[in-house]
Structures are given as structure tokens and as C-alpha cells.
Amino acid sequence: MKDKESHNTNDTFLAQWLEGELSDIELKALVSENDYKSFLKIRKGLEIYDGLEASTETSFAKIQEQISNKKGNVRKLHTNPWLIGIAASIVLFFGLFSILGNDMVSIETSYGEQKTIALLDGSEVIMNSKSTLTYNEDNWETNRKLQLKGEAYFKVKKGSTFTVETENGKVQVLGTQFNVNAVNDYFEVVCFEGKVRVAIKDETYMLLPANSVRRINGNAIETWNNPDVNPSWIHGESSFKSVPLIYVISALESQYNIDIHSDTIDTNIIYTGSFTHENLDTALQTVFKSLQIQYFEKEKGNIYLNLK
């Protein structure tokens, strides 16, 4: 009886989680580790299902039809919307996942979007806009390794070595809080808590709280102290310290889903400052007016720059 009650409770938690009423972190605190891993796979199945643009209701109707065609008395299945989703995802779990044959998880954010991800060990990742995070959940306990494109803030639980790999360098920690920004040829790591080992090419740096290191466009590696307690972007503001304007423009484009045409200006101008994530015009004014650069929107979503 207790097992049955536990199963029903888990079904309720799963339904609430799939509907967005529970976060990853809240769900993880309510169910066992094995159930949590299974629920992550179910969600992955739903995402694949959506990607195929199939209808959940249609798949469930087919299941009912196949059962009703069998001889004997058949108990009528419930048709609650969340049960339909669970049924379809279970089909996917045993079908599509057996075809894929791996446990790779890939999470992406869109323009102006942030996502908070709870990893299997209780670590937390906050992803900035236009970023991708990939990892293997099957051997996560013994191999805590992720691949990052874009920017993310990590809060790592103590345990085995935790590695963030990017195209520009690698970050290794045991348990700490740090930010990684790896976009094209821009690579920056800021340590906020604990100790962080950063490998850039053939050089290794050990960062303590407030220490930062970065390399831009293959130039000399820079180090400095950052007094902030966490990255400003998680609070709705992107900040820059002595950064070529081209990278600020890229950040604006990722945040607001726009194209900024900068052919007529020098994008190597150094910029120090910030811009808000809440209002495009305010963000553009903050960045470009301080540099004496004019901007105007010629077509929707296309911003053109000119020197005053």
C-alpha cells in the first residue's frame, strides 16, 4: 500500500513538474535520485516528441485503440491532459531512447532567455541567452564534465572534479561558484567562491574568490580582481570592463534578437560599462551615446550605426 501511495505521489510531482509548477531543484528535493533521473529522461522524450511535431493526443488515442482491439475486458484509461503527456513520454522513453542509444543531454537558451538547470549531483547552472550546455547524465557521478558554448554561472556541489570544456579553454573545480563566458574567440572566467583552475592553451591559472582571467581574440591573457559577489547578468544587466565594442554588440544581439550593422565604425573601440536587459532603446543609448555613435532602426530588428 505504501508503495502504491508513493507511486501516486510521484505521478503527481511529475505532472506538476511537466506543467512548470515545480522547478528542477524542487522536484529533486521531493523524489528519489533514481526517480529524478527517470523523470529527466521522460522530459527529454517529450522534447524529442515536440521536435518531431507529432500530436500527443493522437499517439495516446492509438494506444487506446490498440488496447480496445484486444479480446477481453479492458479498463478505460484516464484522459487527463497530464496523463496523456506521461503516457506518450513513456512510449518515447522505451522507443526513441533505445534508438538514440545514449544519455547525452543538451540544453539551449534562446534570445534574451535565461534558464536555471539542476544537475544530478545537486549542482546548479544558470545559463545566459544564446548558450548551449551538453553533458552525459549516465556516468555523471564519476565524470562531472560539461561542454559550454556561450555564458553560464555555475554553483558546484563538492564531489569529484567538475570540468567545463569550451573551445577556448577548460575550467576545473571541486566545489565552488564561478562564471564562464565562451563566445567565439572571447573566453572569460570569474571565480566567486572556492578555487578554480583555468587552462588556456598551455597556461594554467588558479583563481581564488574575486580573481578573473580572460583572453580575447588570441591576444595576451589578462587577469584582474572582480569585486562583485555574482555576475550582473543574472540580475538583468550585462557589464563589461575594457572590452572591444564588437563583443558588446554581440551581447546586445544575443539579448534582444537583433542585427546590429557596424560596417561604418571601428568595432575595436574599448568599452567599459553595462546595458539593461529590460529595454532595447535604453540599452542602445547606454552603450552607443557614451561612445558618440549614432544608431537608428532602418528595418525592424536591424540597427545601423554611424559616427556623429
Protein backbone atom coordinates (compact mmCIF):
# COMPACT_ATOMS: atom_id res chain seq x y z
CA MET A 1 0.00 0.00 0.00
CA LYS A 2 2.83 2.38 0.86
CA ASP A 3 4.50 1.64 -2.49
CA LYS A 4 1.25 2.43 -4.27
CA GLU A 5 0.85 5.71 -2.38
CA SER A 6 4.45 6.63 -3.17
CA HIS A 7 3.90 5.87 -6.86
CA ASN A 8 0.77 8.04 -6.95
CA THR A 9 2.62 10.86 -5.21
CA ASN A 10 5.47 10.66 -7.70
CA ASP A 11 2.96 10.79 -10.57
CA THR A 12 1.55 13.99 -9.06
CA PHE A 13 5.02 15.53 -8.74
CA LEU A 14 5.81 14.51 -12.33
CA ALA A 15 2.60 16.11 -13.59
CA GLN A 16 3.30 19.35 -11.72
CA TRP A 17 6.89 19.42 -13.00
CA LEU A 18 5.88 18.84 -16.62
CA GLU A 19 3.34 21.65 -16.30
CA GLY A 20 6.04 24.01 -14.97
CA GLU A 21 4.56 24.18 -11.45
CA LEU A 22 7.73 22.64 -9.96
CA SER A 23 11.31 23.59 -10.87
CA ASP A 24 14.10 21.01 -11.39
CA ILE A 25 15.50 21.82 -7.95
CA GLU A 26 12.10 21.48 -6.22
CA LEU A 27 11.40 18.15 -7.94
CA LYS A 28 14.83 16.78 -7.00
CA ALA A 29 14.10 17.51 -3.33
CA LEU A 30 10.78 15.64 -3.46
CA VAL A 31 11.71 12.35 -5.17
CA SER A 32 14.47 9.76 -5.01
CA GLU A 33 17.65 10.07 -7.07
CA ASN A 34 16.60 7.21 -9.37
CA ASP A 35 13.14 8.68 -9.92
CA TYR A 36 14.66 12.08 -10.68
CA LYS A 37 16.93 10.58 -13.34
CA SER A 38 13.94 8.76 -14.86
CA PHE A 39 11.88 11.96 -14.89
CA LEU A 40 14.69 13.80 -16.72
CA LYS A 41 14.62 11.11 -19.40
CA ILE A 42 10.84 11.41 -19.67
CA ARG A 43 11.18 15.16 -20.21
CA LYS A 44 13.83 14.54 -22.84
CA GLY A 45 11.39 12.20 -24.56
CA LEU A 46 8.72 14.88 -24.61
CA GLU A 47 11.17 17.39 -26.08
CA ILE A 48 12.10 14.97 -28.86
CA TYR A 49 8.43 14.29 -29.41
CA ASP A 50 7.69 18.01 -29.79
CA GLY A 51 10.61 18.31 -32.17
CA LEU A 52 9.00 15.75 -34.45
CA GLU A 53 5.83 17.91 -34.41
CA ALA A 54 3.67 14.94 -33.58
CA SER A 55 0.45 15.11 -31.63
CA THR A 56 0.46 13.71 -28.09
CA GLU A 57 -3.29 13.20 -28.16
CA THR A 58 -3.05 11.24 -31.43
CA SER A 59 -0.38 8.90 -30.04
CA PHE A 60 -2.44 8.27 -26.92
CA ALA A 61 -5.55 7.60 -28.99
CA LYS A 62 -3.61 4.98 -30.95
CA ILE A 63 -2.58 3.30 -27.70
CA GLN A 64 -6.23 3.20 -26.58
CA GLU A 65 -7.33 1.83 -29.96
CA GLN A 66 -4.74 -0.96 -29.88
CA ILE A 67 -5.82 -1.95 -26.36
CA SER A 68 -9.54 -1.85 -27.22
CA ASN A 69 -8.95 -4.18 -30.18
CA LYS A 70 -7.68 -6.87 -27.85
CA LYS A 71 -10.12 -9.51 -26.56
CA GLY A 72 -11.38 -9.39 -23.00
CA ASN A 73 -12.47 -6.69 -20.65
CA VAL A 74 -10.31 -3.61 -20.79
CA ARG A 75 -10.36 -0.91 -18.13
CA LYS A 76 -10.96 2.54 -19.64
CA LEU A 77 -7.87 4.71 -19.49
CA HIS A 78 -7.97 8.15 -17.88
CA THR A 79 -7.72 11.05 -20.29
CA ASN A 80 -6.38 13.78 -18.03
CA PRO A 81 -4.10 16.00 -20.14
CA TRP A 82 -1.07 15.40 -17.95
CA LEU A 83 -1.64 11.64 -18.02
CA ILE A 84 -1.70 11.80 -21.80
CA GLY A 85 1.68 13.51 -21.74
CA ILE A 86 3.12 10.92 -19.35
CA ALA A 87 1.81 8.04 -21.45
CA ALA A 88 3.28 9.45 -24.63
CA SER A 89 6.60 10.17 -22.96
CA ILE A 90 6.83 6.60 -21.64
CA VAL A 91 6.35 5.33 -25.19
CA LEU A 92 9.14 7.64 -26.28
CA PHE A 93 11.34 6.56 -23.40
CA PHE A 94 11.26 2.92 -24.43
CA GLY A 95 11.15 3.67 -28.16
CA LEU A 96 13.14 6.70 -29.22
CA PHE A 97 15.78 6.42 -26.48
CA SER A 98 16.57 2.86 -27.44
CA ILE A 99 17.17 4.15 -30.97
CA LEU A 100 19.36 7.05 -29.83
CA GLY A 101 21.35 4.74 -27.58
CA ASN A 102 22.98 7.43 -25.41
CA ASP A 103 22.31 9.62 -22.39
CA MET A 104 23.62 12.92 -23.73
CA VAL A 105 21.68 15.93 -22.52
CA SER A 106 21.77 19.18 -24.49
CA ILE A 107 20.12 22.36 -23.19
CA GLU A 108 19.85 25.62 -25.12
CA THR A 109 18.65 29.13 -24.39
CA SER A 110 17.13 31.50 -26.92
CA TYR A 111 17.47 35.27 -27.39
CA GLY A 112 17.02 37.12 -24.10
CA GLU A 113 16.34 33.86 -22.23
CA GLN A 114 17.86 32.56 -19.01
CA LYS A 115 17.47 29.01 -17.69
CA THR A 116 18.30 27.54 -14.29
CA ILE A 117 19.32 23.87 -14.53
CA ALA A 118 19.60 21.43 -11.61
CA LEU A 119 22.25 18.80 -12.31
CA LEU A 120 22.07 15.24 -10.96
CA ASP A 121 24.53 15.93 -8.10
CA GLY A 122 22.62 18.97 -6.85
CA SER A 123 24.87 21.46 -8.64
CA GLU A 124 23.12 24.37 -10.32
CA VAL A 125 23.75 26.16 -13.61
CA ILE A 126 22.20 29.46 -14.67
CA MET A 127 22.53 29.84 -18.45
CA ASN A 128 22.62 33.21 -20.18
CA SER A 129 20.96 33.91 -23.55
CA LYS A 130 22.02 32.07 -26.73
CA SER A 131 24.03 29.44 -24.85
CA THR A 132 24.29 25.66 -25.12
CA LEU A 133 25.20 23.18 -22.38
CA THR A 134 25.87 19.49 -23.12
CA TYR A 135 26.73 16.62 -20.77
CA ASN A 136 26.36 12.85 -20.29
CA GLU A 137 23.99 12.02 -17.44
CA ASP A 138 24.71 8.28 -17.47
CA ASN A 139 28.13 8.47 -15.79
CA TRP A 140 27.67 11.87 -14.16
CA GLU A 141 28.61 10.78 -10.62
CA THR A 142 32.11 9.73 -11.67
CA ASN A 143 32.62 12.07 -14.63
CA ARG A 144 31.22 15.56 -13.99
CA LYS A 145 32.08 17.07 -17.36
CA LEU A 146 30.11 19.58 -19.45
CA GLN A 147 30.61 21.34 -22.77
CA LEU A 148 29.62 25.01 -22.91
CA LYS A 149 29.06 27.42 -25.77
CA GLY A 150 28.02 30.82 -24.51
CA GLU A 151 27.83 32.00 -20.91
CA ALA A 152 26.78 30.29 -17.67
CA TYR A 153 27.09 30.73 -13.92
CA PHE A 154 27.92 27.54 -12.01
CA LYS A 155 27.19 26.66 -8.37
CA VAL A 156 29.02 23.37 -7.93
CA LYS A 157 28.43 20.89 -5.09
CA LYS A 158 31.53 19.30 -3.62
CA GLY A 159 32.48 15.94 -5.08
CA SER A 160 34.60 14.62 -7.93
CA THR A 161 36.31 17.04 -10.29
CA PHE A 162 33.82 19.24 -12.13
CA THR A 163 35.01 20.26 -15.61
CA VAL A 164 33.61 22.84 -18.02
CA GLU A 165 35.06 22.47 -21.50
CA THR A 166 34.88 25.24 -24.12
CA GLU A 167 36.53 25.80 -27.49
CA ASN A 168 38.79 28.42 -25.89
CA GLY A 169 39.82 26.75 -22.64
CA LYS A 170 38.91 24.44 -19.78
CA VAL A 171 37.78 25.12 -16.20
CA GLN A 172 38.14 22.58 -13.36
CA VAL A 173 36.84 22.77 -9.79
CA LEU A 174 35.79 20.54 -6.89
CA GLY A 175 33.08 22.73 -5.37
CA THR A 176 32.68 26.44 -5.97
CA GLN A 177 30.81 29.24 -7.75
CA PHE A 178 32.12 30.74 -10.96
CA ASN A 179 31.09 32.29 -14.26
CA VAL A 180 32.29 31.21 -17.71
CA ASN A 181 31.81 33.28 -20.86
CA ALA A 182 32.95 31.48 -24.01
CA VAL A 183 31.56 33.10 -27.15
CA ASN A 184 33.55 32.73 -30.38
CA ASP A 185 37.10 33.95 -29.57
CA TYR A 186 36.14 35.53 -26.24
CA PHE A 187 36.93 33.49 -23.10
CA GLU A 188 36.49 34.80 -19.55
CA VAL A 189 36.30 33.07 -16.17
CA VAL A 190 35.43 34.78 -12.88
CA CYS A 191 35.67 32.97 -9.52
CA PHE A 192 33.13 33.99 -6.86
CA GLU A 193 33.66 31.24 -4.28
CA GLY A 194 36.17 28.44 -3.67
CA LYS A 195 39.02 27.78 -6.08
CA VAL A 196 39.02 27.45 -9.88
CA ARG A 197 41.70 26.03 -12.18
CA VAL A 198 41.64 27.51 -15.69
CA ALA A 199 43.61 26.09 -18.62
CA ILE A 200 44.10 28.37 -21.63
CA LYS A 201 46.31 26.90 -24.31
CA ASP A 202 49.48 25.85 -22.49
CA GLU A 203 48.98 28.13 -19.48
CA THR A 204 47.19 27.30 -16.22
CA TYR A 205 45.75 29.80 -13.73
CA MET A 206 44.47 29.17 -10.21
CA LEU A 207 41.69 31.60 -9.33
CA LEU A 208 40.53 32.47 -5.83
CA PRO A 209 37.38 34.47 -4.98
CA ALA A 210 37.30 37.80 -6.88
CA ASN A 211 40.02 36.64 -9.32
CA SER A 212 39.29 36.82 -13.06
CA VAL A 213 41.11 35.74 -16.20
CA ARG A 214 40.30 36.21 -19.87
CA ARG A 215 41.67 36.01 -23.38
CA ILE A 216 40.19 37.97 -26.28
CA ASN A 217 40.80 37.17 -29.94
CA GLY A 218 44.03 35.27 -29.24
CA ASN A 219 45.65 38.27 -27.54
CA ALA A 220 47.65 38.25 -24.31
CA ILE A 221 45.90 36.75 -21.28
CA GLU A 222 44.56 39.31 -18.80
CA THR A 223 43.97 38.92 -15.07
CA TRP A 224 42.26 41.27 -12.61
CA ASN A 225 40.10 41.34 -9.47
CA ASN A 226 36.31 41.47 -9.65
CA PRO A 227 34.57 42.83 -6.50
CA ASP A 228 31.09 41.51 -7.42
CA VAL A 229 29.52 38.65 -5.44
CA ASN A 230 27.93 37.13 -8.58
CA PRO A 231 27.64 38.01 -12.29
CA SER A 232 25.50 41.06 -13.05
CA TRP A 233 23.70 39.37 -15.98
CA ILE A 234 21.69 37.09 -13.68
CA HIS A 235 20.13 40.29 -12.31
CA GLY A 236 19.21 41.65 -15.74
CA GLU A 237 22.27 43.68 -16.67
CA SER A 238 25.32 42.84 -18.80
CA SER A 239 28.57 44.50 -17.66
CA PHE A 240 31.90 44.94 -19.45
CA LYS A 241 35.37 46.01 -18.36
CA SER A 242 37.69 47.30 -21.11
CA VAL A 243 36.16 45.11 -23.83
CA PRO A 244 36.30 45.79 -27.61
CA LEU A 245 32.93 47.08 -28.78
CA ILE A 246 32.41 44.16 -31.16
CA TYR A 247 31.81 41.84 -28.16
CA VAL A 248 29.35 44.27 -26.60
CA ILE A 249 27.48 44.38 -29.92
CA SER A 250 27.38 40.57 -29.97
CA ALA A 251 25.94 40.54 -26.45
CA LEU A 252 23.24 43.05 -27.44
CA GLU A 253 22.29 40.91 -30.44
CA SER A 254 22.03 37.77 -28.31
CA GLN A 255 19.96 39.51 -25.67
CA TYR A 256 17.47 41.30 -27.91
CA ASN A 257 17.37 39.15 -31.09
CA ILE A 258 18.51 41.99 -33.34
CA ASP A 259 21.15 42.56 -36.03
CA ILE A 260 23.50 45.50 -35.49
CA HIS A 261 25.20 46.73 -38.66
CA SER A 262 28.56 48.24 -37.69
CA ASP A 263 30.44 48.45 -41.01
CA THR A 264 30.93 52.22 -40.76
CA ILE A 265 32.52 52.31 -37.29
CA ASP A 266 35.60 50.96 -35.55
CA THR A 267 34.38 47.98 -33.52
CA ASN A 268 37.73 47.70 -31.74
CA ILE A 269 36.88 50.76 -29.63
CA ILE A 270 37.25 49.79 -25.96
CA TYR A 271 34.06 49.91 -23.92
CA THR A 272 33.57 49.85 -20.15
CA GLY A 273 30.02 49.94 -18.87
CA SER A 274 26.77 47.97 -18.88
CA PHE A 275 23.36 47.68 -20.52
CA THR A 276 19.94 46.60 -19.24
CA HIS A 277 18.07 43.50 -20.40
CA GLU A 278 14.70 45.18 -19.88
CA ASN A 279 14.53 47.82 -22.62
CA LEU A 280 16.26 47.83 -26.01
CA ASP A 281 16.29 51.59 -26.57
CA THR A 282 17.72 52.21 -23.10
CA ALA A 283 20.39 49.58 -23.73
CA LEU A 284 21.36 51.12 -27.08
CA GLN A 285 21.53 54.61 -25.61
CA THR A 286 23.68 53.46 -22.70
CA VAL A 287 26.26 51.82 -24.96
CA PHE A 288 26.41 54.00 -28.06
CA LYS A 289 25.76 57.52 -26.80
CA SER A 290 28.73 57.27 -24.45
CA LEU A 291 30.90 56.46 -27.49
CA GLN A 292 29.44 59.25 -29.65
CA ILE A 293 27.89 56.72 -32.03
CA GLN A 294 24.50 57.26 -33.65
CA TYR A 295 22.06 54.37 -34.12
CA PHE A 296 18.76 54.00 -35.96
CA GLU A 297 16.42 51.18 -36.87
CA LYS A 298 16.00 51.04 -40.66
CA GLU A 299 14.03 47.81 -40.77
CA LYS A 300 12.52 46.02 -37.79
CA GLY A 301 15.23 44.27 -35.84
CA ASN A 302 18.05 45.88 -37.88
CA ILE A 303 20.07 48.56 -36.12
CA TYR A 304 22.54 50.68 -38.12
CA LEU A 305 25.46 52.55 -36.56
CA ASN A 306 27.16 55.77 -37.68
CA LEU A 307 29.68 58.14 -36.15
CA LYS A 308 28.25 61.51 -35.10
